[in-house]
Amino acid sequence: MKIKEWLPLWLENYVKPTAKEKTCHRYSEVVKHHLIPHIGELEMADVTPLILQQMITELSAQGNLRTGGTLSANTVNVIITVIQSALRVAYQLGYITEYIADKVRRPKAAEKQIECFTVKEQKKIEAAALADRRPKMFGIVLCLYTGLRIGELLALTWSDVDFSKGELTVSKSCHDSRKDGRYCRLTEAPKTPTSRRIVPIPRQLLPLLREQKKKSSSAFVIGENKVKTVRSYQYSFTLLLRRLGIPHRGFHALRHTFATRALECGMDVKTLSEILGHKNPTVTLNRYVHSLMPHKHEMMNRLGKML
């Protein structure tokens, strides 16, 4: 059986019944755009570790469909995961006599540079978003003070907000999917158990949030009828930064900004980790250690006084 014949069967019978729609969509895109064009004509029995490694090397260097340039290490890792999973099932079913995909070497992932806004930039963003008065702009402020991911923000409903306790519950997330050839929003449970969490709302934000609820005619905090897709919301944020003359950073920079400010204000790493929904405090510490560096002299001085 050829690779191009097996992969659609694997997707339909072994991925779709068990995986989330977002995962199914991503795996389907990998199969369609990367695997079938490169090794689709090969018989599964003829695939060797070297053939797979050569494909990965080529894709890493020039597999970007938009630019023709390099692919991110994350995307290459997904491609490897797909071919390994597909060939593992083929081996278990007896279509191939040996499983060789585990011999593929994954690219070394470069440490991502955390980008956040300066205090001055943050104040400009807050002022502009609050002056705008549209719910989708208020969502930007909400992320700056809760650290929500964009998918968590857009999936947030008013029933998730407890005004009496000053808390919001993160129990779902949304992402863009395709339906009838058009992008739409799809809401699902969070990817990991730790992403389900309770997030405290700063006292100063509660009156503004109540005001938003009074004006809202939607079940969603960021009205679903006003924001059709995650992509469109990201673009609105890009336009805001452009208008303010602030260098472009992705929407996720709001979450990084929240974490950085929290550490600068003295929040302990364990508490921050729980608010962000990280797997453990070590993840938080490794990701935001730069935020602690400006205070290293103060910390060392405190240590000196104890000696």
C-alpha atoms as a PDB file:
ATOM      1  CA  MET A   1       0.000   0.000   0.000  1.00  0.00           C
ATOM      2  CA  LYS A   2       1.276   3.447  -0.902  1.00  0.00           C
ATOM      3  CA  ILE A   3       1.726   6.213   1.678  1.00  0.00           C
ATOM      4  CA  LYS A   4      -0.874   8.370  -0.117  1.00  0.00           C
ATOM      5  CA  GLU A   5      -3.423   5.552   0.247  1.00  0.00           C
ATOM      6  CA  TRP A   6      -2.670   4.769   3.893  1.00  0.00           C
ATOM      7  CA  LEU A   7      -2.565   8.275   5.390  1.00  0.00           C
ATOM      8  CA  PRO A   8      -6.224   9.208   4.572  1.00  0.00           C
ATOM      9  CA  LEU A   9      -7.358   5.826   5.968  1.00  0.00           C
ATOM     10  CA  TRP A  10      -5.350   6.434   9.137  1.00  0.00           C
ATOM     11  CA  LEU A  11      -6.786   9.928   9.556  1.00  0.00           C
ATOM     12  CA  GLU A  12     -10.380   8.802   9.040  1.00  0.00           C
ATOM     13  CA  ASN A  13     -10.290   5.685  11.221  1.00  0.00           C
ATOM     14  CA  TYR A  14      -7.631   6.310  13.869  1.00  0.00           C
ATOM     15  CA  VAL A  15      -7.389  10.078  14.350  1.00  0.00           C
ATOM     16  CA  LYS A  16     -10.865  11.531  13.828  1.00  0.00           C
ATOM     17  CA  PRO A  17     -12.662   9.175  16.268  1.00  0.00           C
ATOM     18  CA  THR A  18     -10.313   9.996  19.153  1.00  0.00           C
ATOM     19  CA  ALA A  19      -8.682  13.404  18.629  1.00  0.00           C
ATOM     20  CA  LYS A  20     -10.052  16.918  18.997  1.00  0.00           C
ATOM     21  CA  GLU A  21     -11.155  18.684  15.836  1.00  0.00           C
ATOM     22  CA  LYS A  22      -8.243  21.118  16.045  1.00  0.00           C
ATOM     23  CA  THR A  23      -5.777  18.207  16.074  1.00  0.00           C
ATOM     24  CA  CYS A  24      -7.592  16.464  13.212  1.00  0.00           C
ATOM     25  CA  HIS A  25      -7.463  19.627  11.125  1.00  0.00           C
ATOM     26  CA  ARG A  26      -3.767  20.162  11.765  1.00  0.00           C
ATOM     27  CA  TYR A  27      -2.864  16.543  11.017  1.00  0.00           C
ATOM     28  CA  SER A  28      -4.929  16.676   7.805  1.00  0.00           C
ATOM     29  CA  GLU A  29      -3.055  19.800   6.702  1.00  0.00           C
ATOM     30  CA  VAL A  30       0.287  18.093   7.373  1.00  0.00           C
ATOM     31  CA  VAL A  31      -0.758  15.050   5.345  1.00  0.00           C
ATOM     32  CA  LYS A  32      -2.091  17.127   2.450  1.00  0.00           C
ATOM     33  CA  HIS A  33       0.627  19.765   2.185  1.00  0.00           C
ATOM     34  CA  HIS A  34       3.780  18.013   3.379  1.00  0.00           C
ATOM     35  CA  LEU A  35       3.690  14.214   3.527  1.00  0.00           C
ATOM     36  CA  ILE A  36       1.785  13.214   0.389  1.00  0.00           C
ATOM     37  CA  PRO A  37       3.680  15.657  -1.891  1.00  0.00           C
ATOM     38  CA  HIS A  38       7.029  14.345  -0.596  1.00  0.00           C
ATOM     39  CA  ILE A  39       6.597  10.614   0.007  1.00  0.00           C
ATOM     40  CA  GLY A  40       3.014   9.868  -1.085  1.00  0.00           C
ATOM     41  CA  GLU A  41       3.992   7.769  -4.108  1.00  0.00           C
ATOM     42  CA  LEU A  42       6.229   5.452  -2.071  1.00  0.00           C
ATOM     43  CA  GLU A  43       5.093   2.030  -0.961  1.00  0.00           C
ATOM     44  CA  MET A  44       5.076   1.912   2.854  1.00  0.00           C
ATOM     45  CA  ALA A  45       7.445  -1.053   2.778  1.00  0.00           C
ATOM     46  CA  ASP A  46       9.982   1.008   0.819  1.00  0.00           C
ATOM     47  CA  VAL A  47      10.188   3.856   3.320  1.00  0.00           C
ATOM     48  CA  THR A  48      13.519   3.942   5.155  1.00  0.00           C
ATOM     49  CA  PRO A  49      14.811   6.051   8.049  1.00  0.00           C
ATOM     50  CA  LEU A  50      17.076   7.914   5.611  1.00  0.00           C
ATOM     51  CA  ILE A  51      14.167   8.781   3.308  1.00  0.00           C
ATOM     52  CA  LEU A  52      12.217  10.187   6.258  1.00  0.00           C
ATOM     53  CA  GLN A  53      15.238  12.100   7.581  1.00  0.00           C
ATOM     54  CA  GLN A  54      15.918  13.585   4.137  1.00  0.00           C
ATOM     55  CA  MET A  55      12.294  14.706   3.934  1.00  0.00           C
ATOM     56  CA  ILE A  56      12.507  16.339   7.374  1.00  0.00           C
ATOM     57  CA  THR A  57      15.767  18.077   6.458  1.00  0.00           C
ATOM     58  CA  GLU A  58      14.242  19.425   3.242  1.00  0.00           C
ATOM     59  CA  LEU A  59      11.038  20.576   4.943  1.00  0.00           C
ATOM     60  CA  SER A  60      12.988  22.244   7.747  1.00  0.00           C
ATOM     61  CA  ALA A  61      14.987  24.246   5.193  1.00  0.00           C
ATOM     62  CA  GLN A  62      12.293  25.149   2.659  1.00  0.00           C
ATOM     63  CA  GLY A  63       8.929  23.772   3.717  1.00  0.00           C
ATOM     64  CA  ASN A  64       7.152  27.038   4.503  1.00  0.00           C
ATOM     65  CA  LEU A  65       4.221  27.133   2.087  1.00  0.00           C
ATOM     66  CA  ARG A  66       3.914  30.923   2.186  1.00  0.00           C
ATOM     67  CA  THR A  67       7.540  31.981   1.939  1.00  0.00           C
ATOM     68  CA  GLY A  68       9.359  28.918   0.650  1.00  0.00           C
ATOM     69  CA  GLY A  69      11.727  29.335   3.577  1.00  0.00           C
ATOM     70  CA  THR A  70      12.299  27.505   6.840  1.00  0.00           C
ATOM     71  CA  LEU A  71       9.646  25.830   8.952  1.00  0.00           C
ATOM     72  CA  SER A  72       9.501  26.351  12.701  1.00  0.00           C
ATOM     73  CA  ALA A  73      10.800  23.539  14.886  1.00  0.00           C
ATOM     74  CA  ASN A  74       7.296  23.160  16.286  1.00  0.00           C
ATOM     75  CA  THR A  75       5.781  22.545  12.832  1.00  0.00           C
ATOM     76  CA  VAL A  76       8.531  20.063  11.933  1.00  0.00           C
ATOM     77  CA  ASN A  77       7.853  18.224  15.189  1.00  0.00           C
ATOM     78  CA  VAL A  78       4.169  17.929  14.283  1.00  0.00           C
ATOM     79  CA  ILE A  79       5.112  16.484  10.871  1.00  0.00           C
ATOM     80  CA  ILE A  80       7.346  13.912  12.569  1.00  0.00           C
ATOM     81  CA  THR A  81       4.602  13.047  15.070  1.00  0.00           C
ATOM     82  CA  VAL A  82       2.115  12.465  12.242  1.00  0.00           C
ATOM     83  CA  ILE A  83       4.347  10.143  10.197  1.00  0.00           C
ATOM     84  CA  GLN A  84       5.478   8.263  13.291  1.00  0.00           C
ATOM     85  CA  SER A  85       1.907   7.738  14.518  1.00  0.00           C
ATOM     86  CA  ALA A  86       0.652   6.692  11.080  1.00  0.00           C
ATOM     87  CA  LEU A  87       3.461   4.193  10.503  1.00  0.00           C
ATOM     88  CA  ARG A  88       3.159   2.803  14.032  1.00  0.00           C
ATOM     89  CA  VAL A  89      -0.490   1.892  13.401  1.00  0.00           C
ATOM     90  CA  ALA A  90       0.437   0.447   9.991  1.00  0.00           C
ATOM     91  CA  TYR A  91       3.027  -1.768  11.724  1.00  0.00           C
ATOM     92  CA  GLN A  92       0.535  -2.878  14.391  1.00  0.00           C
ATOM     93  CA  LEU A  93      -1.928  -3.847  11.660  1.00  0.00           C
ATOM     94  CA  GLY A  94       0.682  -5.782   9.685  1.00  0.00           C
ATOM     95  CA  TYR A  95       0.917  -3.491   6.656  1.00  0.00           C
ATOM     96  CA  ILE A  96       4.676  -3.169   7.250  1.00  0.00           C
ATOM     97  CA  THR A  97       7.007  -5.686   8.859  1.00  0.00           C
ATOM     98  CA  GLU A  98       9.208  -3.207  10.720  1.00  0.00           C
ATOM     99  CA  TYR A  99       8.616   0.116  12.465  1.00  0.00           C
ATOM    100  CA  ILE A 100      11.431   2.476  11.512  1.00  0.00           C
ATOM    101  CA  ALA A 101       9.968   5.969  12.032  1.00  0.00           C
ATOM    102  CA  ASP A 102      11.327   6.169  15.577  1.00  0.00           C
ATOM    103  CA  LYS A 103      14.806   6.572  14.082  1.00  0.00           C
ATOM    104  CA  VAL A 104      13.993  10.065  12.795  1.00  0.00           C
ATOM    105  CA  ARG A 105      15.852  12.788  14.688  1.00  0.00           C
ATOM    106  CA  ARG A 106      13.839  15.784  15.770  1.00  0.00           C
ATOM    107  CA  PRO A 107      15.250  19.295  15.242  1.00  0.00           C
ATOM    108  CA  LYS A 108      16.624  21.106  18.240  1.00  0.00           C
ATOM    109  CA  ALA A 109      14.054  23.649  19.321  1.00  0.00           C
ATOM    110  CA  ALA A 110      15.459  27.124  19.836  1.00  0.00           C
ATOM    111  CA  GLU A 111      14.354  28.844  23.021  1.00  0.00           C
ATOM    112  CA  LYS A 112      11.643  31.340  22.136  1.00  0.00           C
ATOM    113  CA  GLN A 113      12.294  34.920  23.124  1.00  0.00           C
ATOM    114  CA  ILE A 114       9.534  36.095  25.420  1.00  0.00           C
ATOM    115  CA  GLU A 115       8.074  39.373  24.183  1.00  0.00           C
ATOM    116  CA  CYS A 116       6.110  41.667  26.446  1.00  0.00           C
ATOM    117  CA  PHE A 117       5.104  45.305  26.439  1.00  0.00           C
ATOM    118  CA  THR A 118       6.892  47.939  28.479  1.00  0.00           C
ATOM    119  CA  VAL A 119       4.971  49.709  31.240  1.00  0.00           C
ATOM    120  CA  LYS A 120       4.691  52.784  29.014  1.00  0.00           C
ATOM    121  CA  GLU A 121       3.353  50.740  26.085  1.00  0.00           C
ATOM    122  CA  GLN A 122       0.947  48.904  28.386  1.00  0.00           C
ATOM    123  CA  LYS A 123      -0.529  52.179  29.637  1.00  0.00           C
ATOM    124  CA  LYS A 124      -1.035  53.394  26.061  1.00  0.00           C
ATOM    125  CA  ILE A 125      -2.776  50.146  25.102  1.00  0.00           C
ATOM    126  CA  GLU A 126      -5.031  50.241  28.177  1.00  0.00           C
ATOM    127  CA  ALA A 127      -5.999  53.874  27.652  1.00  0.00           C
ATOM    128  CA  ALA A 128      -6.834  53.353  23.984  1.00  0.00           C
ATOM    129  CA  ALA A 129      -8.773  50.121  24.603  1.00  0.00           C
ATOM    130  CA  LEU A 130     -10.868  51.626  27.412  1.00  0.00           C
ATOM    131  CA  ALA A 131     -11.555  54.805  25.428  1.00  0.00           C
ATOM    132  CA  ASP A 132     -12.793  52.680  22.514  1.00  0.00           C
ATOM    133  CA  ARG A 133     -15.544  51.167  24.721  1.00  0.00           C
ATOM    134  CA  ARG A 134     -16.176  48.210  22.387  1.00  0.00           C
ATOM    135  CA  PRO A 135     -16.334  44.823  24.172  1.00  0.00           C
ATOM    136  CA  LYS A 136     -13.599  43.369  21.979  1.00  0.00           C
ATOM    137  CA  MET A 137     -11.256  46.167  23.008  1.00  0.00           C
ATOM    138  CA  PHE A 138     -12.071  45.629  26.675  1.00  0.00           C
ATOM    139  CA  GLY A 139     -10.964  42.030  26.178  1.00  0.00           C
ATOM    140  CA  ILE A 140      -7.437  43.298  25.616  1.00  0.00           C
ATOM    141  CA  VAL A 141      -7.447  44.948  29.055  1.00  0.00           C
ATOM    142  CA  LEU A 142      -8.898  41.806  30.609  1.00  0.00           C
ATOM    143  CA  CYS A 143      -6.003  39.749  29.211  1.00  0.00           C
ATOM    144  CA  LEU A 144      -3.462  42.250  30.540  1.00  0.00           C
ATOM    145  CA  TYR A 145      -4.769  41.669  34.083  1.00  0.00           C
ATOM    146  CA  THR A 146      -5.654  37.957  34.020  1.00  0.00           C
ATOM    147  CA  GLY A 147      -3.135  36.394  31.623  1.00  0.00           C
ATOM    148  CA  LEU A 148      -5.816  34.622  29.595  1.00  0.00           C
ATOM    149  CA  ARG A 149      -4.883  33.093  26.254  1.00  0.00           C
ATOM    150  CA  ILE A 150      -6.768  34.469  23.254  1.00  0.00           C
ATOM    151  CA  GLY A 151      -8.787  31.249  22.836  1.00  0.00           C
ATOM    152  CA  GLU A 152      -9.734  31.264  26.519  1.00  0.00           C
ATOM    153  CA  LEU A 153     -10.823  34.900  26.312  1.00  0.00           C
ATOM    154  CA  LEU A 154     -13.063  34.401  23.279  1.00  0.00           C
ATOM    155  CA  ALA A 155     -14.638  31.268  24.804  1.00  0.00           C
ATOM    156  CA  LEU A 156     -15.368  33.064  28.102  1.00  0.00           C
ATOM    157  CA  THR A 157     -19.082  33.407  28.902  1.00  0.00           C
ATOM    158  CA  TRP A 158     -20.779  35.546  31.511  1.00  0.00           C
ATOM    159  CA  SER A 159     -21.679  32.362  33.400  1.00  0.00           C
ATOM    160  CA  ASP A 160     -17.917  31.865  33.909  1.00  0.00           C
ATOM    161  CA  VAL A 161     -17.651  35.170  35.789  1.00  0.00           C
ATOM    162  CA  ASP A 162     -18.401  35.218  39.534  1.00  0.00           C
ATOM    163  CA  PHE A 163     -18.734  38.881  40.466  1.00  0.00           C
ATOM    164  CA  SER A 164     -19.326  38.150  44.167  1.00  0.00           C
ATOM    165  CA  LYS A 165     -16.044  36.238  44.522  1.00  0.00           C
ATOM    166  CA  GLY A 166     -14.166  38.318  41.965  1.00  0.00           C
ATOM    167  CA  GLU A 167     -13.163  35.248  39.956  1.00  0.00           C
ATOM    168  CA  LEU A 168     -13.554  33.801  36.509  1.00  0.00           C
ATOM    169  CA  THR A 169     -13.493  30.129  35.546  1.00  0.00           C
ATOM    170  CA  VAL A 170     -11.475  28.929  32.570  1.00  0.00           C
ATOM    171  CA  SER A 171     -13.155  25.719  31.392  1.00  0.00           C
ATOM    172  CA  LYS A 172     -13.011  25.956  27.603  1.00  0.00           C
ATOM    173  CA  SER A 173     -11.076  27.467  24.736  1.00  0.00           C
ATOM    174  CA  CYS A 174     -11.782  28.225  21.106  1.00  0.00           C
ATOM    175  CA  HIS A 175      -9.813  28.196  17.886  1.00  0.00           C
ATOM    176  CA  ASP A 176     -10.392  28.745  14.190  1.00  0.00           C
ATOM    177  CA  SER A 177     -11.641  25.884  12.072  1.00  0.00           C
ATOM    178  CA  ARG A 178     -12.942  25.542   8.528  1.00  0.00           C
ATOM    179  CA  LYS A 179     -16.549  24.823   7.623  1.00  0.00           C
ATOM    180  CA  ASP A 180     -17.786  24.878   4.025  1.00  0.00           C
ATOM    181  CA  GLY A 181     -14.484  26.471   3.021  1.00  0.00           C
ATOM    182  CA  ARG A 182     -14.815  29.373   5.469  1.00  0.00           C
ATOM    183  CA  TYR A 183     -13.175  30.063   8.814  1.00  0.00           C
ATOM    184  CA  CYS A 184     -15.343  29.769  11.918  1.00  0.00           C
ATOM    185  CA  ARG A 185     -14.843  29.568  15.676  1.00  0.00           C
ATOM    186  CA  LEU A 186     -14.883  26.181  17.379  1.00  0.00           C
ATOM    187  CA  THR A 187     -15.094  25.886  21.164  1.00  0.00           C
ATOM    188  CA  GLU A 188     -13.649  22.851  22.959  1.00  0.00           C
ATOM    189  CA  ALA A 189     -12.386  21.807  26.372  1.00  0.00           C
ATOM    190  CA  PRO A 190      -8.865  23.009  27.260  1.00  0.00           C
ATOM    191  CA  LYS A 191      -5.981  20.934  25.938  1.00  0.00           C
ATOM    192  CA  THR A 192      -4.533  20.097  29.357  1.00  0.00           C
ATOM    193  CA  PRO A 193      -6.079  19.547  32.822  1.00  0.00           C
ATOM    194  CA  THR A 194      -4.067  22.411  34.327  1.00  0.00           C
ATOM    195  CA  SER A 195      -5.605  24.810  31.800  1.00  0.00           C
ATOM    196  CA  ARG A 196      -8.888  24.390  33.712  1.00  0.00           C
ATOM    197  CA  ARG A 197      -8.520  26.902  36.497  1.00  0.00           C
ATOM    198  CA  ILE A 198      -9.930  29.736  38.584  1.00  0.00           C
ATOM    199  CA  VAL A 199      -8.432  33.164  37.870  1.00  0.00           C
ATOM    200  CA  PRO A 200      -8.832  36.108  40.285  1.00  0.00           C
ATOM    201  CA  ILE A 201     -10.086  39.376  38.805  1.00  0.00           C
ATOM    202  CA  PRO A 202      -8.370  42.559  40.085  1.00  0.00           C
ATOM    203  CA  ARG A 203     -10.765  44.711  42.147  1.00  0.00           C
ATOM    204  CA  GLN A 204     -10.254  47.717  39.883  1.00  0.00           C
ATOM    205  CA  LEU A 205     -11.445  45.691  36.915  1.00  0.00           C
ATOM    206  CA  LEU A 206     -14.726  44.470  38.420  1.00  0.00           C
ATOM    207  CA  PRO A 207     -16.728  47.723  37.952  1.00  0.00           C
ATOM    208  CA  LEU A 208     -15.591  47.889  34.317  1.00  0.00           C
ATOM    209  CA  LEU A 209     -16.568  44.248  33.810  1.00  0.00           C
ATOM    210  CA  ARG A 210     -20.011  44.877  35.329  1.00  0.00           C
ATOM    211  CA  GLU A 211     -20.452  47.801  32.951  1.00  0.00           C
ATOM    212  CA  GLN A 212     -19.617  45.525  30.014  1.00  0.00           C
ATOM    213  CA  LYS A 213     -22.191  42.971  31.196  1.00  0.00           C
ATOM    214  CA  LYS A 214     -24.934  45.597  31.362  1.00  0.00           C
ATOM    215  CA  LYS A 215     -24.288  46.559  27.740  1.00  0.00           C
ATOM    216  CA  SER A 216     -23.919  42.979  26.518  1.00  0.00           C
ATOM    217  CA  SER A 217     -26.603  41.095  24.596  1.00  0.00           C
ATOM    218  CA  SER A 218     -24.431  38.014  24.160  1.00  0.00           C
ATOM    219  CA  ALA A 219     -23.694  35.006  26.333  1.00  0.00           C
ATOM    220  CA  PHE A 220     -20.013  35.634  25.607  1.00  0.00           C
ATOM    221  CA  VAL A 221     -17.982  38.284  27.425  1.00  0.00           C
ATOM    222  CA  ILE A 222     -16.482  39.220  24.047  1.00  0.00           C
ATOM    223  CA  GLY A 223     -19.671  39.161  21.961  1.00  0.00           C
ATOM    224  CA  GLU A 224     -19.560  36.267  19.488  1.00  0.00           C
ATOM    225  CA  ASN A 225     -21.534  38.267  16.918  1.00  0.00           C
ATOM    226  CA  LYS A 226     -18.860  40.990  17.005  1.00  0.00           C
ATOM    227  CA  VAL A 227     -15.813  38.707  16.730  1.00  0.00           C
ATOM    228  CA  LYS A 228     -16.248  35.978  14.155  1.00  0.00           C
ATOM    229  CA  THR A 229     -12.841  34.278  14.375  1.00  0.00           C
ATOM    230  CA  VAL A 230      -9.694  34.202  16.485  1.00  0.00           C
ATOM    231  CA  ARG A 231      -7.814  35.438  13.434  1.00  0.00           C
ATOM    232  CA  SER A 232     -10.032  38.519  13.064  1.00  0.00           C
ATOM    233  CA  TYR A 233      -9.537  39.371  16.745  1.00  0.00           C
ATOM    234  CA  GLN A 234      -5.774  39.090  16.382  1.00  0.00           C
ATOM    235  CA  TYR A 235      -5.967  41.442  13.406  1.00  0.00           C
ATOM    236  CA  SER A 236      -7.958  43.998  15.439  1.00  0.00           C
ATOM    237  CA  PHE A 237      -5.151  43.956  17.999  1.00  0.00           C
ATOM    238  CA  THR A 238      -2.553  44.419  15.250  1.00  0.00           C
ATOM    239  CA  LEU A 239      -4.446  47.463  13.968  1.00  0.00           C
ATOM    240  CA  LEU A 240      -4.575  48.931  17.492  1.00  0.00           C
ATOM    241  CA  LEU A 241      -0.799  48.622  17.904  1.00  0.00           C
ATOM    242  CA  ARG A 242      -0.258  50.161  14.478  1.00  0.00           C
ATOM    243  CA  ARG A 243      -2.503  53.100  15.360  1.00  0.00           C
ATOM    244  CA  LEU A 244      -0.632  53.652  18.634  1.00  0.00           C
ATOM    245  CA  GLY A 245       2.774  53.427  16.979  1.00  0.00           C
ATOM    246  CA  ILE A 246       3.774  50.458  19.130  1.00  0.00           C
ATOM    247  CA  PRO A 247       6.054  47.825  17.521  1.00  0.00           C
ATOM    248  CA  HIS A 248       4.120  44.731  16.506  1.00  0.00           C
ATOM    249  CA  ARG A 249       3.902  41.847  18.952  1.00  0.00           C
ATOM    250  CA  GLY A 250       1.492  38.955  18.853  1.00  0.00           C
ATOM    251  CA  PHE A 251      -1.634  38.867  21.028  1.00  0.00           C
ATOM    252  CA  HIS A 252       0.123  36.347  23.290  1.00  0.00           C
ATOM    253  CA  ALA A 253       2.436  39.174  24.362  1.00  0.00           C
ATOM    254  CA  LEU A 254      -0.456  40.400  26.562  1.00  0.00           C
ATOM    255  CA  ARG A 255      -0.197  37.169  28.564  1.00  0.00           C
ATOM    256  CA  HIS A 256       3.571  37.532  28.797  1.00  0.00           C
ATOM    257  CA  THR A 257       3.107  41.138  29.936  1.00  0.00           C
ATOM    258  CA  PHE A 258       0.726  40.051  32.697  1.00  0.00           C
ATOM    259  CA  ALA A 259       3.208  37.426  33.918  1.00  0.00           C
ATOM    260  CA  THR A 260       6.129  39.844  33.803  1.00  0.00           C
ATOM    261  CA  ARG A 261       4.271  42.576  35.734  1.00  0.00           C
ATOM    262  CA  ALA A 262       3.065  40.019  38.288  1.00  0.00           C
ATOM    263  CA  LEU A 263       6.625  38.897  39.022  1.00  0.00           C
ATOM    264  CA  GLU A 264       7.860  42.485  39.122  1.00  0.00           C
ATOM    265  CA  CYS A 265       5.195  43.214  41.741  1.00  0.00           C
ATOM    266  CA  GLY A 266       6.384  40.325  43.888  1.00  0.00           C
ATOM    267  CA  MET A 267       3.911  37.536  43.072  1.00  0.00           C
ATOM    268  CA  ASP A 268       5.412  34.153  43.892  1.00  0.00           C
ATOM    269  CA  VAL A 269       6.064  31.767  41.020  1.00  0.00           C
ATOM    270  CA  LYS A 270       3.746  29.010  42.300  1.00  0.00           C
ATOM    271  CA  THR A 271       0.744  31.354  42.432  1.00  0.00           C
ATOM    272  CA  LEU A 272       1.521  32.761  39.002  1.00  0.00           C
ATOM    273  CA  SER A 273       1.883  29.240  37.609  1.00  0.00           C
ATOM    274  CA  GLU A 274      -1.604  28.325  38.833  1.00  0.00           C
ATOM    275  CA  ILE A 275      -3.134  31.504  37.405  1.00  0.00           C
ATOM    276  CA  LEU A 276      -1.500  30.912  34.016  1.00  0.00           C
ATOM    277  CA  GLY A 277      -2.483  27.233  33.970  1.00  0.00           C
ATOM    278  CA  HIS A 278       1.074  25.952  33.560  1.00  0.00           C
ATOM    279  CA  LYS A 279       1.891  22.300  34.213  1.00  0.00           C
ATOM    280  CA  ASN A 280       4.157  23.237  37.141  1.00  0.00           C
ATOM    281  CA  PRO A 281       6.046  26.250  38.562  1.00  0.00           C
ATOM    282  CA  THR A 282       9.262  25.162  36.834  1.00  0.00           C
ATOM    283  CA  VAL A 283       7.692  25.925  33.446  1.00  0.00           C
ATOM    284  CA  THR A 284       6.772  29.410  34.683  1.00  0.00           C
ATOM    285  CA  LEU A 285      10.188  30.048  36.184  1.00  0.00           C
ATOM    286  CA  ASN A 286      12.060  28.948  33.050  1.00  0.00           C
ATOM    287  CA  ARG A 287       9.830  31.034  30.801  1.00  0.00           C
ATOM    288  CA  TYR A 288       9.884  34.243  32.817  1.00  0.00           C
ATOM    289  CA  VAL A 289      13.249  34.118  34.551  1.00  0.00           C
ATOM    290  CA  HIS A 290      14.184  37.327  32.669  1.00  0.00           C
ATOM    291  CA  SER A 291      11.541  39.152  34.706  1.00  0.00           C
ATOM    292  CA  LEU A 292      13.381  38.336  37.896  1.00  0.00           C
ATOM    293  CA  MET A 293      16.787  39.460  36.639  1.00  0.00           C
ATOM    294  CA  PRO A 294      16.319  43.210  37.353  1.00  0.00           C
ATOM    295  CA  HIS A 295      15.791  42.292  41.014  1.00  0.00           C
ATOM    296  CA  LYS A 296      18.812  39.985  41.339  1.00  0.00           C
ATOM    297  CA  HIS A 297      20.975  42.581  43.147  1.00  0.00           C
ATOM    298  CA  GLU A 298      18.195  43.254  45.649  1.00  0.00           C
ATOM    299  CA  MET A 299      17.818  39.505  46.224  1.00  0.00           C
ATOM    300  CA  MET A 300      21.552  39.079  46.733  1.00  0.00           C
ATOM    301  CA  ASN A 301      21.616  41.985  49.191  1.00  0.00           C
ATOM    302  CA  ARG A 302      18.825  40.351  51.180  1.00  0.00           C
ATOM    303  CA  LEU A 303      20.776  37.109  51.188  1.00  0.00           C
ATOM    304  CA  GLY A 304      23.880  38.984  52.401  1.00  0.00           C
ATOM    305  CA  LYS A 305      22.005  40.381  55.393  1.00  0.00           C
ATOM    306  CA  MET A 306      21.119  36.858  56.446  1.00  0.00           C
ATOM    307  CA  LEU A 307      24.769  35.766  56.627  1.00  0.00           C
END
